Protein backbone atom coordinates (compact mmCIF):
# COMPACT_ATOMS: atom_id res chain seq x y z
CA MET A 1 72.93 47.09 32.78
CA ARG A 2 71.78 46.79 29.46
CA PHE A 3 72.48 43.27 27.70
CA GLN A 4 73.38 43.18 24.18
CA LEU A 5 72.78 39.85 22.22
CA VAL A 6 74.98 39.30 19.23
CA VAL A 7 74.07 36.16 17.42
CA VAL A 8 76.98 34.79 15.53
CA CYS A 9 78.57 31.11 14.95
CA LEU A 10 81.95 29.42 15.64
CA CYS A 11 83.88 27.17 13.35
CA ALA A 12 83.49 23.64 14.63
CA ALA A 13 87.11 23.21 15.12
CA ALA A 14 87.39 25.95 17.87
CA ALA A 15 84.21 25.84 19.69
CA LEU A 16 84.15 22.47 21.19
CA ALA A 17 80.72 22.47 22.73
CA VAL A 18 78.68 24.45 19.93
CA LYS A 19 77.00 22.68 17.09
CA GLU A 20 78.48 22.11 13.62
CA ASP A 21 76.27 24.29 11.85
CA VAL A 22 77.30 27.18 13.91
CA LYS A 23 80.02 28.15 11.51
CA LYS A 24 77.23 29.25 8.62
CA VAL A 25 77.28 32.78 9.97
CA GLU A 26 80.50 34.11 11.40
CA THR A 27 84.22 32.76 11.88
CA LEU A 28 85.52 32.46 15.42
CA ASP A 29 88.20 35.44 14.65
CA LYS A 30 84.92 37.73 13.97
CA ALA A 31 83.50 36.63 16.76
CA ALA A 32 86.16 37.32 19.05
CA LYS A 33 86.42 40.96 17.34
CA LYS A 34 83.08 41.60 18.35
CA ILE A 35 83.63 40.49 21.83
CA ASP A 36 86.96 42.89 22.15
CA ALA A 37 84.93 45.71 20.60
CA ALA A 38 82.22 45.36 23.12
CA LYS A 39 81.82 48.04 25.71
CA ASP A 40 82.66 47.02 29.33
CA ASP A 41 79.03 47.53 30.45
CA LYS A 42 77.57 44.93 28.36
CA LYS A 43 77.44 41.29 28.38
CA VAL A 44 77.69 39.61 25.01
CA LEU A 45 76.23 36.24 24.32
CA LEU A 46 77.00 34.13 21.57
CA LYS A 47 73.70 31.69 21.12
CA ASP A 48 73.30 28.59 19.04
CA GLY A 49 69.55 27.12 20.30
CA ASP A 50 69.97 26.57 23.75
CA ASP A 51 73.64 27.32 24.11
CA GLU A 52 75.06 30.27 25.40
CA VAL A 53 78.53 31.47 25.13
CA VAL A 54 78.94 34.07 27.96
CA LYS A 55 81.71 36.82 28.16
CA LEU A 56 83.52 36.83 31.38
CA PRO A 57 84.48 40.08 33.02
CA ASP A 58 87.82 40.97 32.11
CA SER A 59 88.71 42.35 35.38
CA ASP A 60 87.68 39.27 37.23
CA LYS A 61 89.55 36.01 36.34
CA THR A 62 88.47 34.27 39.44
CA TRP A 63 85.27 33.65 37.76
CA GLY A 64 86.74 31.68 35.12
CA GLN A 65 89.05 29.80 37.36
CA ALA A 66 85.85 28.71 39.39
CA ILE A 67 84.26 27.37 36.63
CA ASN A 68 87.23 25.50 35.26
CA ALA A 69 88.14 24.41 38.71
CA LEU A 70 84.33 22.96 39.64
CA ASN A 71 83.60 21.64 36.19
CA PRO A 72 87.11 19.96 35.14
CA THR A 73 85.32 17.50 32.74
CA ALA A 74 83.08 20.03 31.22
CA GLU A 75 83.40 21.24 27.67
CA VAL A 76 84.08 24.73 28.55
CA PHE A 77 86.88 26.91 26.64
CA SER A 78 87.19 29.95 28.83
CA ALA A 79 90.94 29.00 28.85
CA HIS A 80 91.32 30.21 25.49
CA LEU A 81 88.57 33.08 25.37
CA PRO A 82 86.90 35.07 28.24
CA MET A 83 83.57 33.33 27.69
CA TYR A 84 82.10 29.73 28.69
CA VAL A 85 79.08 27.54 27.31
CA LYS A 86 76.58 28.19 29.70
CA SER A 87 74.64 25.04 29.22
CA LYS A 88 77.84 23.06 29.93
CA VAL A 89 78.27 24.67 33.38
CA LYS A 90 76.75 23.72 36.51
CA PRO A 91 73.50 25.86 37.20
CA GLU A 92 74.56 26.56 40.27
CA ILE A 93 77.74 28.60 38.98
CA ALA A 94 75.97 30.12 36.27
CA GLN A 95 73.89 31.39 38.87
CA ALA A 96 76.93 32.80 40.69
CA PHE A 97 77.97 34.55 37.37
CA ASP A 98 74.68 36.17 37.12
CA LEU A 99 74.90 37.31 40.94
CA GLN A 100 78.13 39.08 39.76
CA GLU A 101 76.53 40.75 36.81
CA GLU A 102 73.70 41.95 39.59
CA LEU A 103 76.29 43.19 41.99
CA THR A 104 78.15 45.28 39.29
CA HIS A 105 74.79 46.46 38.12
CA TRP A 106 74.11 47.29 41.80
CA ASN A 107 77.07 49.26 42.20
CA LYS A 108 76.76 51.09 38.94
CA GLU A 109 73.48 52.29 39.72
CA GLY A 110 74.92 53.92 42.79
CA ASN A 111 73.16 52.12 45.54
CA PRO A 112 74.10 51.78 49.20
CA GLN A 113 76.68 49.36 50.45
CA HIS A 114 74.89 48.66 53.55
CA LEU A 115 71.32 47.83 54.17
CA GLU A 116 69.15 47.30 57.26
CA PHE A 117 66.75 44.51 57.71
CA ILE A 118 65.00 43.24 61.07
CA GLY A 119 66.18 40.11 62.65
CA ASP A 120 64.62 37.46 64.86
CA ASP A 121 64.92 39.71 67.58
CA GLY A 122 63.01 42.54 66.14
CA GLU A 123 66.23 44.57 66.32
CA SER A 124 68.42 45.89 63.07
CA ALA A 125 70.34 43.50 61.08
CA PHE A 126 72.79 45.15 58.83
CA ALA A 127 73.53 43.46 55.19
CA VAL A 128 76.86 44.01 53.49
CA MET A 129 76.21 44.38 49.58
CA SER A 130 79.49 43.08 48.22
CA SER A 131 81.44 40.15 47.25
CA HIS A 132 84.87 39.30 46.11
CA GLN A 133 84.44 35.81 45.26
CA PRO A 134 82.10 33.31 43.41
CA VAL A 135 79.47 32.35 45.66
CA ILE A 136 78.35 28.84 44.88
CA PHE A 137 75.21 26.90 46.07
CA ASN A 138 76.00 24.14 48.33
CA SER A 139 74.00 22.65 51.27
CA TYR A 140 74.07 20.21 53.60
CA GLY A 141 70.80 18.35 55.44
CA GLU A 142 71.23 20.56 58.39
CA ASP A 143 71.18 23.81 56.29
CA ILE A 144 67.67 23.62 55.26
CA MET A 145 65.34 22.43 58.08
CA PHE A 146 61.24 21.92 57.93
CA HIS A 147 59.40 22.52 60.92
CA LEU A 148 55.85 21.01 61.69
CA PHE A 149 53.29 23.06 63.71
CA THR A 150 49.96 21.80 64.23
CA LYS A 151 47.13 22.76 66.89
CA ALA A 152 48.97 20.72 69.44
CA ASP A 153 52.36 22.70 69.36
CA GLU A 154 51.18 26.11 68.46
CA SER A 155 52.93 28.08 71.18
CA ASP A 156 56.31 26.21 70.46
CA LEU A 157 58.75 27.96 68.64
CA LYS A 158 60.47 25.32 66.74
CA GLY A 159 57.50 22.64 66.71
CA TYR A 160 58.41 19.32 65.38
CA VAL A 161 61.74 18.89 63.01
CA ILE A 162 60.99 16.81 60.20
CA ASN A 163 63.79 14.24 60.17
CA ASP A 164 61.88 11.23 58.61
CA PHE A 165 58.47 11.25 56.38
CA LYS A 166 57.78 7.86 58.35
CA THR A 167 57.17 9.47 61.65
CA LEU A 168 55.58 12.45 60.31
CA VAL A 169 52.14 11.43 61.10
CA ASP A 170 52.59 9.52 63.98
CA GLU A 171 54.82 11.52 65.93
CA GLY A 172 54.75 14.78 64.31
CA GLY A 173 50.93 14.84 64.17
CA PHE A 174 50.81 15.73 60.45
CA ASP A 175 47.04 15.31 59.44
CA PRO A 176 46.90 14.37 55.71
CA LYS A 177 43.25 15.72 55.53
CA LEU A 178 44.24 19.19 56.48
CA PRO A 179 45.69 21.96 53.93
CA VAL A 180 49.27 22.64 54.23
CA LYS A 181 50.62 26.11 54.46
CA VAL A 182 54.40 26.80 54.25
CA ILE A 183 56.05 29.63 55.58
CA ILE A 184 59.36 30.87 54.40
CA HIS A 185 61.68 33.42 56.14
CA GLY A 186 64.04 36.10 54.51
CA PHE A 187 67.48 37.44 55.08
CA THR A 188 69.08 36.81 58.25
CA ASN A 189 66.24 35.20 59.79
CA SER A 190 65.51 31.68 61.03
CA ILE A 191 62.55 29.56 62.21
CA ARG A 192 62.28 32.18 64.93
CA SER A 193 61.78 35.14 62.66
CA PRO A 194 58.84 37.33 63.38
CA ALA A 195 57.52 36.28 59.62
CA ILE A 196 57.22 32.78 60.39
CA GLN A 197 56.23 33.08 64.30
CA LEU A 198 53.28 35.60 63.65
CA ILE A 199 51.90 33.96 60.77
CA LYS A 200 51.88 30.25 62.13
CA ASN A 201 50.28 31.33 65.36
CA ALA A 202 47.26 33.11 63.50
CA LEU A 203 46.68 29.95 61.50
CA LEU A 204 46.79 27.92 64.19
CA GLU A 205 44.33 30.12 66.22
CA SER A 206 41.88 30.54 63.58
CA GLY A 207 41.74 26.95 61.73
CA LYS A 208 43.30 23.62 61.38
CA TYR A 209 46.13 23.51 59.29
CA ASN A 210 49.44 21.41 58.92
CA VAL A 211 52.02 24.68 59.37
CA ILE A 212 55.36 24.02 57.76
CA GLY A 213 58.20 26.64 58.63
CA VAL A 214 61.37 26.15 56.27
CA ASP A 215 64.51 27.31 58.26
CA TRP A 216 67.26 27.97 55.82
CA GLY A 217 68.73 30.39 58.05
CA ARG A 218 72.27 29.08 57.69
CA LEU A 219 72.27 29.97 54.27
CA CYS A 220 70.97 33.77 54.56
CA ARG A 221 72.54 34.77 57.72
CA GLY A 222 74.38 37.96 57.72
CA PRO A 223 76.05 40.40 57.17
CA TRP A 224 76.72 39.23 53.49
CA TYR A 225 73.62 39.73 51.50
CA PRO A 226 74.86 38.44 48.46
CA GLY A 227 75.87 35.04 49.70
CA ALA A 228 72.07 34.73 50.66
CA ARG A 229 70.82 35.85 47.52
CA ALA A 230 73.22 33.18 45.68
CA HIS A 231 71.17 30.31 47.86
CA VAL A 232 67.79 31.37 46.87
CA SER A 233 67.48 29.21 43.65
CA GLY A 234 68.73 25.90 45.29
CA THR A 235 66.90 26.54 48.54
CA GLY A 236 63.77 26.89 46.21
CA ALA A 237 64.79 23.52 44.73
CA LYS A 238 65.20 21.94 48.10
CA VAL A 239 61.61 23.01 48.95
CA ALA A 240 60.16 21.49 45.96
CA GLU A 241 61.79 18.28 46.48
CA PHE A 242 60.28 18.26 50.26
CA LEU A 243 56.92 18.79 48.57
CA ASP A 244 57.13 16.45 45.90
CA ALA A 245 58.13 13.98 48.60
CA LEU A 246 54.95 14.45 50.54
CA VAL A 247 52.83 14.04 47.45
CA ASP A 248 54.34 10.99 46.45
CA LEU A 249 53.78 9.57 49.96
CA GLN A 250 49.95 10.48 49.51
CA LEU A 251 50.27 12.93 52.58
CA THR A 252 49.10 16.02 50.46
CA ARG A 253 47.93 17.30 47.19
CA PRO A 254 49.51 20.39 45.22
CA GLU A 255 46.09 21.91 45.30
CA ASP A 256 46.12 21.78 49.05
CA VAL A 257 49.40 23.63 49.34
CA HIS A 258 49.88 27.38 49.96
CA LEU A 259 53.31 28.79 49.87
CA ILE A 260 53.85 32.34 52.15
CA GLY A 261 57.52 33.80 51.51
CA HIS A 262 58.55 37.13 52.80
CA SER A 263 61.64 38.86 51.19
CA LEU A 264 64.13 36.52 49.82
CA GLY A 265 61.60 33.94 51.26
CA ALA A 266 59.11 34.83 48.49
CA HIS A 267 61.64 34.35 45.47
CA VAL A 268 62.54 30.93 47.53
CA ALA A 269 58.72 30.12 47.23
CA GLY A 270 58.53 31.00 43.57
CA ILE A 271 61.42 28.70 42.60
CA ALA A 272 59.88 26.05 44.43
CA GLY A 273 56.78 26.55 42.62
CA LYS A 274 58.65 26.32 39.25
CA SER A 275 60.37 23.31 40.31
CA MET A 276 57.73 21.06 41.38
CA THR A 277 57.09 17.67 39.54
CA LYS A 278 54.26 16.38 41.24
CA GLY A 279 51.78 19.23 40.12
CA LYS A 280 51.09 23.13 40.42
CA LEU A 281 50.77 24.61 43.61
CA ALA A 282 47.37 25.99 44.76
CA ARG A 283 48.95 29.42 45.90
CA ILE A 284 51.62 31.18 46.67
CA THR A 285 51.78 34.69 48.68
CA GLY A 286 54.87 37.18 48.12
CA LEU A 287 55.01 39.43 51.06
CA ASP A 288 57.41 42.36 49.70
CA PRO A 289 59.52 40.07 47.48
CA ALA A 290 63.18 40.95 47.95
CA GLY A 291 64.41 43.91 45.56
CA PRO A 292 68.56 43.96 46.03
CA LEU A 293 70.25 42.09 43.53
CA PHE A 294 67.10 41.01 41.66
CA GLN A 295 67.10 44.02 39.00
CA LEU A 296 68.32 42.01 36.19
CA THR A 297 67.02 38.65 36.89
CA ASP A 298 64.42 37.40 34.63
CA ASN A 299 60.78 35.82 35.52
CA ASN A 300 62.84 32.35 35.86
CA GLY A 301 64.68 33.40 38.70
CA ILE A 302 61.90 35.15 40.91
CA LEU A 303 58.33 34.78 42.26
CA TYR A 304 56.27 35.67 38.96
CA ARG A 305 52.54 34.77 38.32
CA GLY A 306 52.26 31.28 36.88
CA ASP A 307 54.63 29.43 39.82
CA ALA A 308 51.10 28.59 41.35
CA ASP A 309 47.52 28.85 40.19
CA LEU A 310 47.46 31.71 42.29
CA VAL A 311 50.21 34.14 43.17
CA ASP A 312 49.26 37.14 45.21
CA ILE A 313 51.54 39.75 46.22
CA ILE A 314 52.01 42.59 49.14
CA HIS A 315 54.15 45.43 48.40
CA THR A 316 55.24 47.54 51.42
CA ASN A 317 58.62 48.56 50.58
CA ALA A 318 58.92 48.77 46.68
CA GLY A 319 61.94 50.35 45.42
CA TYR A 320 63.81 49.83 48.49
CA LEU A 321 64.27 46.35 50.09
CA GLY A 322 61.14 44.92 48.32
CA LYS A 323 60.71 44.78 44.32
CA THR A 324 58.51 47.06 42.30
CA MET A 325 57.32 45.41 39.51
CA HIS A 326 53.82 43.61 39.18
CA LEU A 327 54.97 39.90 39.81
CA GLY A 328 51.63 37.97 40.59
CA ASN A 329 48.30 37.61 39.49
CA VAL A 330 47.13 40.62 41.79
CA ASP A 331 49.60 42.86 43.52
CA PHE A 332 48.43 44.95 46.39
CA TYR A 333 50.45 48.51 47.12
CA PRO A 334 49.11 49.52 50.32
CA ASN A 335 49.45 53.36 50.92
CA GLY A 336 51.53 53.58 47.63
CA GLY A 337 53.67 50.43 48.18
CA HIS A 338 56.89 52.49 49.26
CA PHE A 339 56.71 53.56 52.70
CA GLN A 340 54.10 52.28 55.79
CA PRO A 341 52.14 54.60 58.50
CA GLY A 342 53.94 54.36 61.78
CA CYS A 343 57.17 53.63 60.60
CA PRO A 344 59.77 56.32 60.99
CA PHE A 345 61.23 58.14 57.91
CA ASP A 346 64.12 55.49 57.12
CA VAL A 347 66.05 55.38 53.87
CA THR A 348 66.45 51.66 54.35
CA GLY A 349 62.71 50.66 54.81
CA ALA A 350 63.34 48.02 57.37
CA CYS A 351 60.00 48.85 59.20
CA SER A 352 58.05 49.26 56.16
CA HIS A 353 59.63 45.67 54.85
CA GLY A 354 58.50 43.95 57.72
CA ARG A 355 54.78 45.57 57.57
CA ALA A 356 53.73 43.22 54.81
CA TYR A 357 54.01 39.93 57.07
CA GLU A 358 52.29 41.83 59.82
CA VAL A 359 49.36 43.00 57.93
CA PHE A 360 49.20 39.50 56.32
CA ALA A 361 49.09 37.98 59.83
CA SER A 362 46.25 40.19 60.91
CA THR A 363 44.28 39.42 57.79
CA ILE A 364 44.20 35.74 59.16
CA LYS A 365 43.08 36.81 62.57
CA ASN A 366 40.67 39.82 61.79
CA SER A 367 38.76 37.98 58.78
CA ASP A 368 36.13 40.94 58.89
CA ALA A 369 38.45 43.78 58.46
CA VAL A 370 38.05 45.41 55.12
CA LEU A 371 41.46 45.88 53.56
CA GLU A 372 40.01 46.70 50.03
CA GLY A 373 41.85 48.18 47.02
CA VAL A 374 41.16 49.96 43.96
CA LEU A 375 42.52 48.84 40.48
CA CYS A 376 45.04 51.14 39.61
CA PRO A 377 47.43 50.14 36.46
CA SER A 378 49.72 53.07 36.91
CA LEU A 379 51.09 51.72 40.24
CA PRO A 380 53.64 51.88 42.16
CA ASP A 381 53.82 55.42 40.35
CA GLY A 382 50.88 57.87 40.37
CA ALA A 383 49.56 56.80 43.78
CA SER A 384 47.81 60.20 44.14
CA THR A 385 45.57 59.53 41.57
CA CYS A 386 44.76 55.93 42.79
CA GLU A 387 44.06 57.52 46.32
CA ASN A 388 41.76 59.96 44.60
CA ARG A 389 39.66 57.35 42.77
CA LEU A 390 39.49 55.37 46.42
CA ARG A 391 38.10 58.59 47.90
CA GLN A 392 35.48 59.36 45.56
CA HIS A 393 34.46 55.96 45.55
CA GLU A 394 34.24 55.70 41.92
CA ASP A 395 32.76 52.96 40.08
CA VAL A 396 36.19 50.97 39.32
CA GLU A 397 37.25 47.50 40.08
CA LYS A 398 38.31 46.18 43.58
CA ALA A 399 40.09 43.67 45.55
CA GLN A 400 40.37 42.54 49.07
CA MET A 401 44.04 42.16 50.03
CA GLY A 402 45.28 39.37 52.58
CA TYR A 403 44.59 35.81 53.56
CA ASN A 404 41.26 35.69 52.34
CA VAL A 405 42.31 37.50 49.08
CA LYS A 406 39.32 38.41 46.59
CA PHE A 407 39.38 39.88 43.41
CA ASN A 408 37.60 39.38 39.66
CA LYS A 409 40.40 41.00 38.00
CA GLU A 410 44.08 40.88 37.72
CA GLY A 411 46.42 43.76 38.27
CA ALA A 412 47.60 46.00 40.84
CA TYR A 413 45.45 47.55 43.48
CA PHE A 414 45.87 50.52 45.72
CA LEU A 415 44.58 50.72 49.11
CA ARG A 416 45.09 52.52 52.42
CA THR A 417 45.78 51.03 55.80
CA THR A 418 46.33 52.51 59.44
CA ASP A 419 49.61 51.55 61.57
CA LYS A 420 48.00 49.07 63.92
CA PRO A 421 46.25 45.75 63.86
CA ASN A 422 43.60 45.15 62.39
CA PHE A 423 45.28 47.93 59.73
CA GLN A 424 41.60 48.80 58.59
CA PHE A 425 41.75 52.34 57.09
CA SER A 426 38.44 54.58 57.47
CA TRP A 427 38.02 58.04 55.91
């Protein structure tokens, strides 16, 4: 869907939430005519400073009803015209509206209505790509759980559930002197997900860390993918609150925190980085950040460079379950970034999507493995050109992928991997 922005003004008598000087450009009648004339496939915004008056879908009155029902005191005039003042609406409701836009775009592009992911048990978990009502973020204490893992309980699937910061050190074994690694799972998963368990085990086997697993499984359970997608921003904000509290209590520093997120969890990590109030995080690693229902979302709603001092990305199923675009300071596209060796041909890409966390965990345990890529700005297209440069050992910029990431120049890098740990490829 392409957006068309129409800058107009509203008479102060009609537009309750828009500033007085809006009337300098156009009358409300003219604005209404432009809205009526707008094509169905375009979203019309009337802007005044930070206020956005957004057109609601003509065919879906539930959105207007939800906005009015959940904001009875807000300065919203969708009862009179099919629009609302975005800055006057609760953020979670505005996000629900944006999600509906994503769903409409997904369907118009002819994308599948069912997707396949990997569940906690390693078996297929199917996602349904439809929603018939606004999905509003609303979490309770038990919906987002934080689990601490230390060297003492590395074999434990659940670790120490953090319910009280006062007992975190004495009972949980949290060591303020150690770096903090936070792992966030994706759709249909929980604390038992292979993404969390593989990376947690590799970290604790290889060094001393405070490893924290974020379990938001109650908010991203299947099969309704749009519901999980709607909870990304709210969950990210909760993760930021948790980390800010650790910093406030002098249990860690932002420069000692590394977030690692897979799929939807990568974008949760990005929102957490954006939402931090006590300083910028040291690093966020995105493991095949989710692509479905993120096509229209701007950089404020996804993991993106600037969310931490270093943002590194591994794309293993770009254009399918993963997002294609360059997101980080450095983006790696192993084997072109779309499908991975050893995975059966699968239009849903579930196996390749999971390869991102397998490779990353392997680089923690096999630090000597050389997973080196060449800078290739044409990625994710033009992989054959990139491979020629890699084969010929041209004098090009190189970077090391994985836990011990190394690079001199920001950009997109191509490399080859095998289908088994340590994943190092030899010509």
